[in-house]
PDB file of N, CA and C in Angstrom:
ATOM      1  N   UNK A   1     146.641  67.876  48.554  1.00  0.00           N
ATOM      2  CA  UNK A   1     145.866  67.664  47.439  1.00  0.00           C
ATOM      3  C   UNK A   1     144.735  66.732  47.879  1.00  0.00           C
ATOM      4  N   UNK A   2     143.508  67.171  47.492  1.00  0.00           N
ATOM      5  CA  UNK A   2     142.392  66.415  47.887  1.00  0.00           C
ATOM      6  C   UNK A   2     142.359  64.950  47.308  1.00  0.00           C
ATOM      7  N   UNK A   3     142.229  64.056  48.175  1.00  0.00           N
ATOM      8  CA  UNK A   3     142.190  62.613  47.733  1.00  0.00           C
ATOM      9  C   UNK A   3     140.811  61.967  48.191  1.00  0.00           C
ATOM     10  N   UNK A   4     140.080  61.314  47.158  1.00  0.00           N
ATOM     11  CA  UNK A   4     138.927  60.672  47.391  1.00  0.00           C
ATOM     12  C   UNK A   4     138.991  59.175  47.378  1.00  0.00           C
ATOM     13  N   UNK A   5     138.351  58.525  48.190  1.00  0.00           N
ATOM     14  CA  UNK A   5     138.434  57.001  48.311  1.00  0.00           C
ATOM     15  C   UNK A   5     137.114  56.544  48.495  1.00  0.00           C
ATOM     16  N   UNK A   6     136.463  55.648  47.649  1.00  0.00           N
ATOM     17  CA  UNK A   6     135.178  55.076  47.677  1.00  0.00           C
ATOM     18  C   UNK A   6     135.232  53.775  48.309  1.00  0.00           C
ATOM     19  N   UNK A   7     134.097  53.450  48.943  1.00  0.00           N
ATOM     20  CA  UNK A   7     133.960  52.057  49.533  1.00  0.00           C
ATOM     21  C   UNK A   7     132.434  51.642  49.465  1.00  0.00           C
ATOM     22  N   UNK A   8     132.105  50.495  49.765  1.00  0.00           N
ATOM     23  CA  UNK A   8     130.778  49.968  49.886  1.00  0.00           C
ATOM     24  C   UNK A   8     130.266  49.240  48.693  1.00  0.00           C
ATOM     25  N   UNK A   9     131.046  49.083  47.621  1.00  0.00           N
ATOM     26  CA  UNK A   9     130.428  48.332  46.477  1.00  0.00           C
ATOM     27  C   UNK A   9     130.385  46.828  46.877  1.00  0.00           C
ATOM     28  N   UNK A  10     129.835  46.135  45.987  1.00  0.00           N
ATOM     29  CA  UNK A  10     129.745  44.655  46.064  1.00  0.00           C
ATOM     30  C   UNK A  10     128.883  43.970  45.189  1.00  0.00           C
ATOM     31  N   UNK A  11     128.634  42.598  45.317  1.00  0.00           N
ATOM     32  CA  UNK A  11     127.663  41.892  44.485  1.00  0.00           C
ATOM     33  C   UNK A  11     126.268  41.677  45.157  1.00  0.00           C
ATOM     34  N   UNK A  12     125.327  42.225  44.658  1.00  0.00           N
ATOM     35  CA  UNK A  12     123.999  42.087  45.292  1.00  0.00           C
ATOM     36  C   UNK A  12     123.074  41.493  44.294  1.00  0.00           C
ATOM     37  N   UNK A  13     121.903  41.082  44.790  1.00  0.00           N
ATOM     38  CA  UNK A  13     120.813  40.670  43.999  1.00  0.00           C
ATOM     39  C   UNK A  13     119.930  41.783  43.537  1.00  0.00           C
ATOM     40  N   UNK A  14     119.128  41.656  42.477  1.00  0.00           N
ATOM     41  CA  UNK A  14     118.198  42.652  42.031  1.00  0.00           C
ATOM     42  C   UNK A  14     117.210  42.899  43.262  1.00  0.00           C
ATOM     43  N   UNK A  15     116.951  44.238  43.435  1.00  0.00           N
ATOM     44  CA  UNK A  15     116.009  44.682  44.444  1.00  0.00           C
ATOM     45  C   UNK A  15     116.783  44.954  45.859  1.00  0.00           C
ATOM     46  N   UNK A  16     118.063  44.770  45.831  1.00  0.00           N
ATOM     47  CA  UNK A  16     118.867  44.936  47.020  1.00  0.00           C
ATOM     48  C   UNK A  16     119.109  46.493  47.248  1.00  0.00           C
ATOM     49  N   UNK A  17     119.651  46.746  48.444  1.00  0.00           N
ATOM     50  CA  UNK A  17     120.094  48.159  48.817  1.00  0.00           C
ATOM     51  C   UNK A  17     121.598  48.043  49.052  1.00  0.00           C
ATOM     52  N   UNK A  18     122.205  49.147  48.658  1.00  0.00           N
ATOM     53  CA  UNK A  18     123.591  49.397  48.883  1.00  0.00           C
ATOM     54  C   UNK A  18     123.907  50.819  49.261  1.00  0.00           C
ATOM     55  N   UNK A  19     124.911  51.044  50.121  1.00  0.00           N
ATOM     56  CA  UNK A  19     125.271  52.471  50.509  1.00  0.00           C
ATOM     57  C   UNK A  19     126.793  52.522  50.173  1.00  0.00           C
ATOM     58  N   UNK A  20     127.141  53.533  49.297  1.00  0.00           N
ATOM     59  CA  UNK A  20     128.400  53.794  48.947  1.00  0.00           C
ATOM     60  C   UNK A  20     128.887  55.011  49.762  1.00  0.00           C
ATOM     61  N   UNK A  21     130.209  54.933  50.088  1.00  0.00           N
ATOM     62  CA  UNK A  21     130.786  56.080  50.803  1.00  0.00           C
ATOM     63  C   UNK A  21     131.994  56.546  50.116  1.00  0.00           C
ATOM     64  N   UNK A  22     132.200  57.950  50.292  1.00  0.00           N
ATOM     65  CA  UNK A  22     133.338  58.552  49.706  1.00  0.00           C
ATOM     66  C   UNK A  22     133.984  59.308  50.770  1.00  0.00           C
ATOM     67  N   UNK A  23     135.303  59.109  51.099  1.00  0.00           N
ATOM     68  CA  UNK A  23     135.901  59.674  52.259  1.00  0.00           C
ATOM     69  C   UNK A  23     137.023  60.578  51.484  1.00  0.00           C
ATOM     70  N   UNK A  24     137.035  61.866  51.938  1.00  0.00           N
ATOM     71  CA  UNK A  24     138.016  62.807  51.431  1.00  0.00           C
ATOM     72  C   UNK A  24     139.119  63.001  52.483  1.00  0.00           C
ATOM     73  N   UNK A  25     140.334  63.185  51.994  1.00  0.00           N
ATOM     74  CA  UNK A  25     141.439  63.534  52.837  1.00  0.00           C
ATOM     75  C   UNK A  25     142.428  64.390  52.080  1.00  0.00           C
ATOM     76  N   UNK A  26     143.320  64.984  52.851  1.00  0.00           N
ATOM     77  CA  UNK A  26     144.306  65.865  52.212  1.00  0.00           C
ATOM     78  C   UNK A  26     143.739  67.194  51.726  1.00  0.00           C
ATOM     79  N   UNK A  27     142.452  67.475  52.264  1.00  0.00           N
ATOM     80  CA  UNK A  27     141.851  68.757  51.890  1.00  0.00           C
ATOM     81  C   UNK A  27     140.332  68.665  52.276  1.00  0.00           C
ATOM     82  N   UNK A  28     139.565  69.615  51.892  1.00  0.00           N
ATOM     83  CA  UNK A  28     138.241  69.643  52.339  1.00  0.00           C
ATOM     84  C   UNK A  28     137.280  69.731  51.162  1.00  0.00           C
ATOM     85  N   UNK A  29     136.167  69.067  51.292  1.00  0.00           N
ATOM     86  CA  UNK A  29     135.105  69.118  50.312  1.00  0.00           C
ATOM     87  C   UNK A  29     134.383  70.352  50.364  1.00  0.00           C
ATOM     88  N   UNK A  30     134.500  71.178  51.387  1.00  0.00           N
ATOM     89  CA  UNK A  30     133.751  72.424  51.425  1.00  0.00           C
ATOM     90  C   UNK A  30     134.120  73.409  50.201  1.00  0.00           C
ATOM     91  N   UNK A  31     133.031  73.879  49.637  1.00  0.00           N
ATOM     92  CA  UNK A  31     133.246  74.827  48.526  1.00  0.00           C
ATOM     93  C   UNK A  31     133.221  73.935  47.212  1.00  0.00           C
ATOM     94  N   UNK A  32     133.176  72.599  47.236  1.00  0.00           N
ATOM     95  CA  UNK A  32     133.067  71.808  46.019  1.00  0.00           C
ATOM     96  C   UNK A  32     131.850  71.249  45.984  1.00  0.00           C
ATOM     97  N   UNK A  33     131.173  71.184  44.827  1.00  0.00           N
ATOM     98  CA  UNK A  33     130.040  70.437  44.445  1.00  0.00           C
ATOM     99  C   UNK A  33     130.656  68.951  44.359  1.00  0.00           C
ATOM    100  N   UNK A  34     129.819  67.910  44.656  1.00  0.00           N
ATOM    101  CA  UNK A  34     130.302  66.556  44.628  1.00  0.00           C
ATOM    102  C   UNK A  34     129.302  65.724  43.823  1.00  0.00           C
ATOM    103  N   UNK A  35     129.773  64.615  43.234  1.00  0.00           N
ATOM    104  CA  UNK A  35     128.956  63.850  42.411  1.00  0.00           C
ATOM    105  C   UNK A  35     129.395  62.374  42.508  1.00  0.00           C
ATOM    106  N   UNK A  36     128.413  61.518  42.160  1.00  0.00           N
ATOM    107  CA  UNK A  36     128.744  60.121  41.885  1.00  0.00           C
ATOM    108  C   UNK A  36     128.471  59.937  40.407  1.00  0.00           C
ATOM    109  N   UNK A  37     129.431  59.245  39.856  1.00  0.00           N
ATOM    110  CA  UNK A  37     129.501  58.749  38.477  1.00  0.00           C
ATOM    111  C   UNK A  37     129.515  57.245  38.434  1.00  0.00           C
ATOM    112  N   UNK A  38     129.063  56.675  37.319  1.00  0.00           N
ATOM    113  CA  UNK A  38     129.344  55.175  37.106  1.00  0.00           C
ATOM    114  C   UNK A  38     129.646  54.957  35.648  1.00  0.00           C
ATOM    115  N   UNK A  39     130.370  53.840  35.528  1.00  0.00           N
ATOM    116  CA  UNK A  39     130.714  53.359  34.163  1.00  0.00           C
ATOM    117  C   UNK A  39     130.541  51.890  34.039  1.00  0.00           C
ATOM    118  N   UNK A  40     129.738  51.561  33.182  1.00  0.00           N
ATOM    119  CA  UNK A  40     129.479  50.186  32.883  1.00  0.00           C
ATOM    120  C   UNK A  40     130.474  49.696  31.668  1.00  0.00           C
ATOM    121  N   UNK A  41     130.679  48.399  31.552  1.00  0.00           N
ATOM    122  CA  UNK A  41     131.677  47.856  30.612  1.00  0.00           C
ATOM    123  C   UNK A  41     131.153  48.356  29.192  1.00  0.00           C
ATOM    124  N   UNK A  42     132.024  48.984  28.415  1.00  0.00           N
ATOM    125  CA  UNK A  42     131.711  49.382  27.026  1.00  0.00           C
ATOM    126  C   UNK A  42     130.907  50.599  26.972  1.00  0.00           C
ATOM    127  N   UNK A  43     130.672  51.219  28.067  1.00  0.00           N
ATOM    128  CA  UNK A  43     129.758  52.428  28.089  1.00  0.00           C
ATOM    129  C   UNK A  43     130.624  53.665  28.524  1.00  0.00           C
ATOM    130  N   UNK A  44     130.109  54.873  28.198  1.00  0.00           N
ATOM    131  CA  UNK A  44     130.783  56.053  28.753  1.00  0.00           C
ATOM    132  C   UNK A  44     130.347  56.263  30.259  1.00  0.00           C
ATOM    133  N   UNK A  45     131.223  56.996  30.816  1.00  0.00           N
ATOM    134  CA  UNK A  45     131.033  57.321  32.315  1.00  0.00           C
ATOM    135  C   UNK A  45     129.848  58.327  32.290  1.00  0.00           C
ATOM    136  N   UNK A  46     128.899  58.047  33.244  1.00  0.00           N
ATOM    137  CA  UNK A  46     127.683  58.976  33.386  1.00  0.00           C
ATOM    138  C   UNK A  46     127.614  59.282  34.707  1.00  0.00           C
ATOM    139  N   UNK A  47     127.085  60.616  34.914  1.00  0.00           N
ATOM    140  CA  UNK A  47     126.899  61.046  36.239  1.00  0.00           C
ATOM    141  C   UNK A  47     125.483  60.630  36.757  1.00  0.00           C
ATOM    142  N   UNK A  48     125.478  59.971  37.913  1.00  0.00           N
ATOM    143  CA  UNK A  48     124.208  59.409  38.418  1.00  0.00           C
ATOM    144  C   UNK A  48     123.564  60.507  39.421  1.00  0.00           C
ATOM    145  N   UNK A  49     124.392  61.347  40.069  1.00  0.00           N
ATOM    146  CA  UNK A  49     123.818  62.243  41.010  1.00  0.00           C
ATOM    147  C   UNK A  49     124.837  63.314  41.429  1.00  0.00           C
ATOM    148  N   UNK A  50     124.393  64.480  41.719  1.00  0.00           N
ATOM    149  CA  UNK A  50     125.377  65.486  42.180  1.00  0.00           C
ATOM    150  C   UNK A  50     124.695  66.310  43.274  1.00  0.00           C
ATOM    151  N   UNK A  51     125.453  67.053  44.065  1.00  0.00           N
ATOM    152  CA  UNK A  51     124.959  67.759  45.139  1.00  0.00           C
ATOM    153  C   UNK A  51     125.923  69.045  45.235  1.00  0.00           C
ATOM    154  N   UNK A  52     125.216  70.195  45.376  1.00  0.00           N
ATOM    155  CA  UNK A  52     125.946  71.435  45.440  1.00  0.00           C
ATOM    156  C   UNK A  52     126.780  71.566  46.805  1.00  0.00           C
ATOM    157  N   UNK A  53     127.649  72.552  46.797  1.00  0.00           N
ATOM    158  CA  UNK A  53     128.476  72.701  48.000  1.00  0.00           C
ATOM    159  C   UNK A  53     127.673  72.973  49.306  1.00  0.00           C
ATOM    160  N   UNK A  54     126.508  73.638  49.142  1.00  0.00           N
ATOM    161  CA  UNK A  54     125.650  73.960  50.374  1.00  0.00           C
ATOM    162  C   UNK A  54     124.776  72.730  50.728  1.00  0.00           C
ATOM    163  N   UNK A  55     124.654  71.872  49.743  1.00  0.00           N
ATOM    164  CA  UNK A  55     123.719  70.747  50.014  1.00  0.00           C
ATOM    165  C   UNK A  55     122.258  70.955  49.630  1.00  0.00           C
ATOM    166  N   UNK A  56     122.027  72.200  49.122  1.00  0.00           N
ATOM    167  CA  UNK A  56     120.737  72.524  48.837  1.00  0.00           C
ATOM    168  C   UNK A  56     120.124  72.103  47.374  1.00  0.00           C
ATOM    169  N   UNK A  57     121.131  71.859  46.611  1.00  0.00           N
ATOM    170  CA  UNK A  57     120.793  71.546  45.137  1.00  0.00           C
ATOM    171  C   UNK A  57     121.254  70.124  44.925  1.00  0.00           C
ATOM    172  N   UNK A  58     120.420  69.322  44.341  1.00  0.00           N
ATOM    173  CA  UNK A  58     120.723  68.005  43.980  1.00  0.00           C
ATOM    174  C   UNK A  58     120.180  67.676  42.619  1.00  0.00           C
ATOM    175  N   UNK A  59     120.815  66.788  41.761  1.00  0.00           N
ATOM    176  CA  UNK A  59     120.296  66.426  40.551  1.00  0.00           C
ATOM    177  C   UNK A  59     120.556  64.831  40.498  1.00  0.00           C
ATOM    178  N   UNK A  60     119.589  64.261  39.667  1.00  0.00           N
ATOM    179  CA  UNK A  60     119.768  62.798  39.599  1.00  0.00           C
ATOM    180  C   UNK A  60     119.504  62.412  38.029  1.00  0.00           C
ATOM    181  N   UNK A  61     120.124  61.341  37.646  1.00  0.00           N
ATOM    182  CA  UNK A  61     119.971  60.859  36.279  1.00  0.00           C
ATOM    183  C   UNK A  61     118.483  60.259  36.339  1.00  0.00           C
ATOM    184  N   UNK A  62     117.806  60.334  35.168  1.00  0.00           N
ATOM    185  CA  UNK A  62     116.402  59.808  35.093  1.00  0.00           C
ATOM    186  C   UNK A  62     116.378  58.269  35.506  1.00  0.00           C
ATOM    187  N   UNK A  63     117.479  57.569  35.228  1.00  0.00           N
ATOM    188  CA  UNK A  63     117.418  56.160  35.496  1.00  0.00           C
ATOM    189  C   UNK A  63     117.475  55.707  37.033  1.00  0.00           C
ATOM    190  N   UNK A  64     117.950  56.733  37.868  1.00  0.00           N
ATOM    191  CA  UNK A  64     118.073  56.472  39.227  1.00  0.00           C
ATOM    192  C   UNK A  64     117.203  57.446  40.066  1.00  0.00           C
ATOM    193  N   UNK A  65     116.529  58.387  39.542  1.00  0.00           N
ATOM    194  CA  UNK A  65     115.679  59.361  40.300  1.00  0.00           C
ATOM    195  C   UNK A  65     114.639  58.441  40.999  1.00  0.00           C
ATOM    196  N   UNK A  66     114.469  58.721  42.284  1.00  0.00           N
ATOM    197  CA  UNK A  66     113.501  57.958  43.201  1.00  0.00           C
ATOM    198  C   UNK A  66     114.054  56.745  43.788  1.00  0.00           C
ATOM    199  N   UNK A  67     115.204  56.328  43.355  1.00  0.00           N
ATOM    200  CA  UNK A  67     115.903  55.065  43.896  1.00  0.00           C
ATOM    201  C   UNK A  67     117.145  55.383  44.660  1.00  0.00           C
ATOM    202  N   UNK A  68     117.817  56.476  44.222  1.00  0.00           N
ATOM    203  CA  UNK A  68     119.186  56.841  44.716  1.00  0.00           C
ATOM    204  C   UNK A  68     119.147  58.126  45.550  1.00  0.00           C
ATOM    205  N   UNK A  69     119.839  58.213  46.558  1.00  0.00           N
ATOM    206  CA  UNK A  69     119.811  59.542  47.422  1.00  0.00           C
ATOM    207  C   UNK A  69     121.299  59.834  47.642  1.00  0.00           C
ATOM    208  N   UNK A  70     121.667  61.004  47.363  1.00  0.00           N
ATOM    209  CA  UNK A  70     122.991  61.561  47.640  1.00  0.00           C
ATOM    210  C   UNK A  70     122.988  62.401  48.767  1.00  0.00           C
ATOM    211  N   UNK A  71     124.024  62.384  49.614  1.00  0.00           N
ATOM    212  CA  UNK A  71     124.151  63.140  50.823  1.00  0.00           C
ATOM    213  C   UNK A  71     125.648  63.440  51.072  1.00  0.00           C
ATOM    214  N   UNK A  72     125.889  64.489  51.917  1.00  0.00           N
ATOM    215  CA  UNK A  72     127.165  64.808  52.179  1.00  0.00           C
ATOM    216  C   UNK A  72     127.223  65.306  53.642  1.00  0.00           C
ATOM    217  N   UNK A  73     128.443  65.137  54.321  1.00  0.00           N
ATOM    218  CA  UNK A  73     128.696  65.626  55.649  1.00  0.00           C
ATOM    219  C   UNK A  73     129.903  66.360  55.655  1.00  0.00           C
ATOM    220  N   UNK A  74     129.988  67.587  55.499  1.00  0.00           N
ATOM    221  CA  UNK A  74     131.122  68.407  55.408  1.00  0.00           C
ATOM    222  C   UNK A  74     132.001  68.361  56.741  1.00  0.00           C
ATOM    223  N   UNK A  75     131.387  68.086  57.746  1.00  0.00           N
ATOM    224  CA  UNK A  75     132.151  68.008  59.104  1.00  0.00           C
ATOM    225  C   UNK A  75     132.994  66.764  59.054  1.00  0.00           C
ATOM    226  N   UNK A  76     132.398  65.730  58.408  1.00  0.00           N
ATOM    227  CA  UNK A  76     133.148  64.407  58.322  1.00  0.00           C
ATOM    228  C   UNK A  76     133.982  64.316  56.972  1.00  0.00           C
ATOM    229  N   UNK A  77     133.748  65.268  56.128  1.00  0.00           N
ATOM    230  CA  UNK A  77     134.387  65.239  54.789  1.00  0.00           C
ATOM    231  C   UNK A  77     134.081  63.902  53.994  1.00  0.00           C
ATOM    232  N   UNK A  78     132.722  63.751  54.011  1.00  0.00           N
ATOM    233  CA  UNK A  78     132.257  62.414  53.347  1.00  0.00           C
ATOM    234  C   UNK A  78     131.104  62.779  52.472  1.00  0.00           C
ATOM    235  N   UNK A  79     130.906  61.846  51.464  1.00  0.00           N
ATOM    236  CA  UNK A  79     129.850  61.851  50.560  1.00  0.00           C
ATOM    237  C   UNK A  79     129.131  60.404  50.575  1.00  0.00           C
ATOM    238  N   UNK A  80     127.949  60.281  50.418  1.00  0.00           N
ATOM    239  CA  UNK A  80     127.394  59.006  50.559  1.00  0.00           C
ATOM    240  C   UNK A  80     126.204  58.968  49.401  1.00  0.00           C
ATOM    241  N   UNK A  81     126.112  57.648  48.934  1.00  0.00           N
ATOM    242  CA  UNK A  81     125.154  57.425  47.910  1.00  0.00           C
ATOM    243  C   UNK A  81     124.336  56.224  48.457  1.00  0.00           C
ATOM    244  N   UNK A  82     123.089  56.540  48.665  1.00  0.00           N
ATOM    245  CA  UNK A  82     122.136  55.330  49.032  1.00  0.00           C
ATOM    246  C   UNK A  82     121.446  54.975  47.821  1.00  0.00           C
ATOM    247  N   UNK A  83     121.512  53.591  47.573  1.00  0.00           N
ATOM    248  CA  UNK A  83     120.743  53.034  46.426  1.00  0.00           C
ATOM    249  C   UNK A  83     119.863  51.840  46.724  1.00  0.00           C
ATOM    250  N   UNK A  84     118.608  52.098  46.492  1.00  0.00           N
ATOM    251  CA  UNK A  84     117.465  51.180  46.624  1.00  0.00           C
ATOM    252  C   UNK A  84     117.087  50.484  45.367  1.00  0.00           C
ATOM    253  N   UNK A  85     116.511  49.391  45.552  1.00  0.00           N
ATOM    254  CA  UNK A  85     115.745  48.661  44.342  1.00  0.00           C
ATOM    255  C   UNK A  85     116.844  48.485  43.128  1.00  0.00           C
ATOM    256  N   UNK A  86     118.044  48.095  43.522  1.00  0.00           N
ATOM    257  CA  UNK A  86     118.933  47.955  42.492  1.00  0.00           C
ATOM    258  C   UNK A  86     118.618  46.952  41.463  1.00  0.00           C
ATOM    259  N   UNK A  87     118.967  47.162  40.228  1.00  0.00           N
ATOM    260  CA  UNK A  87     118.664  46.302  39.073  1.00  0.00           C
ATOM    261  C   UNK A  87     119.950  46.028  38.292  1.00  0.00           C
ATOM    262  N   UNK A  88     119.934  45.078  37.323  1.00  0.00           N
ATOM    263  CA  UNK A  88     121.188  44.849  36.651  1.00  0.00           C
ATOM    264  C   UNK A  88     121.786  46.007  35.846  1.00  0.00           C
ATOM    265  N   UNK A  89     120.980  46.890  35.480  1.00  0.00           N
ATOM    266  CA  UNK A  89     121.400  48.037  34.652  1.00  0.00           C
ATOM    267  C   UNK A  89     122.171  48.975  35.543  1.00  0.00           C
ATOM    268  N   UNK A  90     122.149  48.806  36.865  1.00  0.00           N
ATOM    269  CA  UNK A  90     122.950  49.723  37.788  1.00  0.00           C
ATOM    270  C   UNK A  90     124.424  49.137  37.953  1.00  0.00           C
ATOM    271  N   UNK A  91     124.708  48.037  37.290  1.00  0.00           N
ATOM    272  CA  UNK A  91     126.037  47.587  37.344  1.00  0.00           C
ATOM    273  C   UNK A  91     127.065  48.366  36.808  1.00  0.00           C
ATOM    274  N   UNK A  92     128.109  48.506  37.448  1.00  0.00           N
ATOM    275  CA  UNK A  92     129.303  49.328  37.028  1.00  0.00           C
ATOM    276  C   UNK A  92     130.330  49.682  37.975  1.00  0.00           C
ATOM    277  N   UNK A  93     131.320  50.402  37.703  1.00  0.00           N
ATOM    278  CA  UNK A  93     132.083  51.125  38.663  1.00  0.00           C
ATOM    279  C   UNK A  93     131.715  52.435  38.936  1.00  0.00           C
ATOM    280  N   UNK A  94     131.629  52.695  40.308  1.00  0.00           N
ATOM    281  CA  UNK A  94     131.038  53.913  40.750  1.00  0.00           C
ATOM    282  C   UNK A  94     132.185  54.705  41.291  1.00  0.00           C
ATOM    283  N   UNK A  95     132.124  56.051  40.885  1.00  0.00           N
ATOM    284  CA  UNK A  95     133.238  56.944  41.172  1.00  0.00           C
ATOM    285  C   UNK A  95     132.618  58.123  41.917  1.00  0.00           C
ATOM    286  N   UNK A  96     133.332  58.558  42.918  1.00  0.00           N
ATOM    287  CA  UNK A  96     133.081  59.903  43.626  1.00  0.00           C
ATOM    288  C   UNK A  96     133.925  60.923  42.925  1.00  0.00           C
ATOM    289  N   UNK A  97     133.438  62.154  42.830  1.00  0.00           N
ATOM    290  CA  UNK A  97     134.165  63.228  42.199  1.00  0.00           C
ATOM    291  C   UNK A  97     133.861  64.489  42.837  1.00  0.00           C
ATOM    292  N   UNK A  98     134.754  65.497  42.756  1.00  0.00           N
ATOM    293  CA  UNK A  98     134.652  66.856  43.301  1.00  0.00           C
ATOM    294  C   UNK A  98     134.697  67.803  42.186  1.00  0.00           C
ATOM    295  N   UNK A  99     133.612  68.739  42.146  1.00  0.00           N
ATOM    296  CA  UNK A  99     133.560  69.793  41.059  1.00  0.00           C
ATOM    297  C   UNK A  99     134.679  70.850  41.426  1.00  0.00           C
ATOM    298  N   UNK A 100     135.093  71.579  40.354  1.00  0.00           N
ATOM    299  CA  UNK A 100     136.016  72.639  40.678  1.00  0.00           C
ATOM    300  C   UNK A 100     135.372  73.809  41.331  1.00  0.00           C
ATOM    301  N   UNK A 101     134.041  73.966  41.291  1.00  0.00           N
ATOM    302  CA  UNK A 101     133.401  74.956  42.070  1.00  0.00           C
ATOM    303  C   UNK A 101     132.265  74.279  42.909  1.00  0.00           C
ATOM    304  N   UNK A 102     131.359  75.121  43.481  1.00  0.00           N
ATOM    305  CA  UNK A 102     130.356  74.471  44.332  1.00  0.00           C
ATOM    306  C   UNK A 102     129.176  74.002  43.547  1.00  0.00           C
ATOM    307  N   UNK A 103     129.127  73.921  42.239  1.00  0.00           N
ATOM    308  CA  UNK A 103     127.952  73.819  41.422  1.00  0.00           C
ATOM    309  C   UNK A 103     127.552  72.355  41.374  1.00  0.00           C
ATOM    310  N   UNK A 104     126.276  72.240  41.058  1.00  0.00           N
ATOM    311  CA  UNK A 104     125.574  70.957  40.720  1.00  0.00           C
ATOM    312  C   UNK A 104     124.490  71.364  39.770  1.00  0.00           C
ATOM    313  N   UNK A 105     124.772  71.260  38.517  1.00  0.00           N
ATOM    314  CA  UNK A 105     123.854  71.702  37.408  1.00  0.00           C
ATOM    315  C   UNK A 105     123.430  70.370  36.684  1.00  0.00           C
ATOM    316  N   UNK A 106     122.173  70.599  36.018  1.00  0.00           N
ATOM    317  CA  UNK A 106     121.701  69.405  35.245  1.00  0.00           C
ATOM    318  C   UNK A 106     122.645  69.182  34.091  1.00  0.00           C
ATOM    319  N   UNK A 107     123.163  70.107  33.414  1.00  0.00           N
ATOM    320  CA  UNK A 107     124.050  69.921  32.319  1.00  0.00           C
ATOM    321  C   UNK A 107     125.568  70.028  32.824  1.00  0.00           C
ATOM    322  N   UNK A 108     126.324  69.080  32.550  1.00  0.00           N
ATOM    323  CA  UNK A 108     127.644  69.065  33.137  1.00  0.00           C
ATOM    324  C   UNK A 108     128.708  68.796  32.161  1.00  0.00           C
ATOM    325  N   UNK A 109     129.960  69.019  32.434  1.00  0.00           N
ATOM    326  CA  UNK A 109     130.981  68.715  31.714  1.00  0.00           C
ATOM    327  C   UNK A 109     132.055  67.882  32.588  1.00  0.00           C
ATOM    328  N   UNK A 110     132.473  66.713  32.080  1.00  0.00           N
ATOM    329  CA  UNK A 110     133.307  65.931  32.924  1.00  0.00           C
ATOM    330  C   UNK A 110     134.560  66.656  33.308  1.00  0.00           C
ATOM    331  N   UNK A 111     135.097  67.414  32.593  1.00  0.00           N
ATOM    332  CA  UNK A 111     136.363  68.147  32.795  1.00  0.00           C
ATOM    333  C   UNK A 111     136.247  69.173  33.986  1.00  0.00           C
ATOM    334  N   UNK A 112     134.992  69.373  34.404  1.00  0.00           N
ATOM    335  CA  UNK A 112     134.858  70.261  35.455  1.00  0.00           C
ATOM    336  C   UNK A 112     134.952  69.585  36.855  1.00  0.00           C
ATOM    337  N   UNK A 113     135.102  68.221  36.788  1.00  0.00           N
ATOM    338  CA  UNK A 113     135.297  67.475  38.013  1.00  0.00           C
ATOM    339  C   UNK A 113     136.719  67.218  38.072  1.00  0.00           C
ATOM    340  N   UNK A 114     137.412  67.866  39.014  1.00  0.00           N
ATOM    341  CA  UNK A 114     138.842  67.802  39.119  1.00  0.00           C
ATOM    342  C   UNK A 114     139.518  66.933  40.016  1.00  0.00           C
ATOM    343  N   UNK A 115     138.771  66.188  40.827  1.00  0.00           N
ATOM    344  CA  UNK A 115     139.213  65.121  41.776  1.00  0.00           C
ATOM    345  C   UNK A 115     138.312  63.930  41.675  1.00  0.00           C
ATOM    346  N   UNK A 116     138.958  62.779  41.437  1.00  0.00           N
ATOM    347  CA  UNK A 116     138.276  61.526  41.336  1.00  0.00           C
ATOM    348  C   UNK A 116     138.757  60.525  42.306  1.00  0.00           C
ATOM    349  N   UNK A 117     137.860  59.661  42.769  1.00  0.00           N
ATOM    350  CA  UNK A 117     138.422  58.543  43.498  1.00  0.00           C
ATOM    351  C   UNK A 117     138.759  57.208  42.549  1.00  0.00           C
ATOM    352  N   UNK A 118     139.098  56.236  42.997  1.00  0.00           N
ATOM    353  CA  UNK A 118     139.591  55.081  42.273  1.00  0.00           C
ATOM    354  C   UNK A 118     138.461  54.231  41.787  1.00  0.00           C
ATOM    355  N   UNK A 119     137.277  54.414  42.429  1.00  0.00           N
ATOM    356  CA  UNK A 119     136.115  53.654  41.889  1.00  0.00           C
ATOM    357  C   UNK A 119     135.845  52.354  42.838  1.00  0.00           C
ATOM    358  N   UNK A 120     134.603  52.050  42.922  1.00  0.00           N
ATOM    359  CA  UNK A 120     134.186  50.879  43.569  1.00  0.00           C
ATOM    360  C   UNK A 120     133.220  50.052  42.761  1.00  0.00           C
ATOM    361  N   UNK A 121     133.413  48.894  42.693  1.00  0.00           N
ATOM    362  CA  UNK A 121     132.541  47.962  41.745  1.00  0.00           C
ATOM    363  C   UNK A 121     131.208  47.644  42.400  1.00  0.00           C
ATOM    364  N   UNK A 122     130.169  47.825  41.633  1.00  0.00           N
ATOM    365  CA  UNK A 122     128.786  47.396  42.028  1.00  0.00           C
ATOM    366  C   UNK A 122     128.326  46.430  41.017  1.00  0.00           C
ATOM    367  N   UNK A 123     128.007  45.268  41.399  1.00  0.00           N
ATOM    368  CA  UNK A 123     127.350  44.210  40.469  1.00  0.00           C
ATOM    369  C   UNK A 123     125.984  43.811  40.991  1.00  0.00           C
ATOM    370  N   UNK A 124     125.052  43.948  40.157  1.00  0.00           N
ATOM    371  CA  UNK A 124     123.731  43.525  40.446  1.00  0.00           C
ATOM    372  C   UNK A 124     123.373  42.328  39.561  1.00  0.00           C
ATOM    373  N   UNK A 125     123.230  41.197  40.205  1.00  0.00           N
ATOM    374  CA  UNK A 125     122.985  39.895  39.412  1.00  0.00           C
ATOM    375  C   UNK A 125     122.337  38.875  40.390  1.00  0.00           C
ATOM    376  N   UNK A 126     121.450  38.104  39.679  1.00  0.00           N
ATOM    377  CA  UNK A 126     120.853  36.972  40.382  1.00  0.00           C
ATOM    378  C   UNK A 126     121.686  35.677  40.326  1.00  0.00           C
TER     379      UNK A 126
END
């Protein structure tokens, strides 16, 4: 069974850069679309970015477009989220997720993401 483990979170100041990593084991990410979600206290979980199984299609939430970049390495079975110019609104628990298919569409349903990591905390504060 595919297991996802995130790492790279932490406490940073506004304007900083962070790189989150998601390592998969017990299976392969090939054939799965992948995504990063985040959840701030008292808010619903939102998808910040996704990438199709081929890597050719990406989507970003408006709030992060131009600052975040998602990538994947199928040979290493990893997914990465690079985050520049972080601001306090980016604070939350960040989750890596695998889609049931290879899709990455603008409109999504949470239930189509069938594997989730345990999350990594990102806190942006001065």
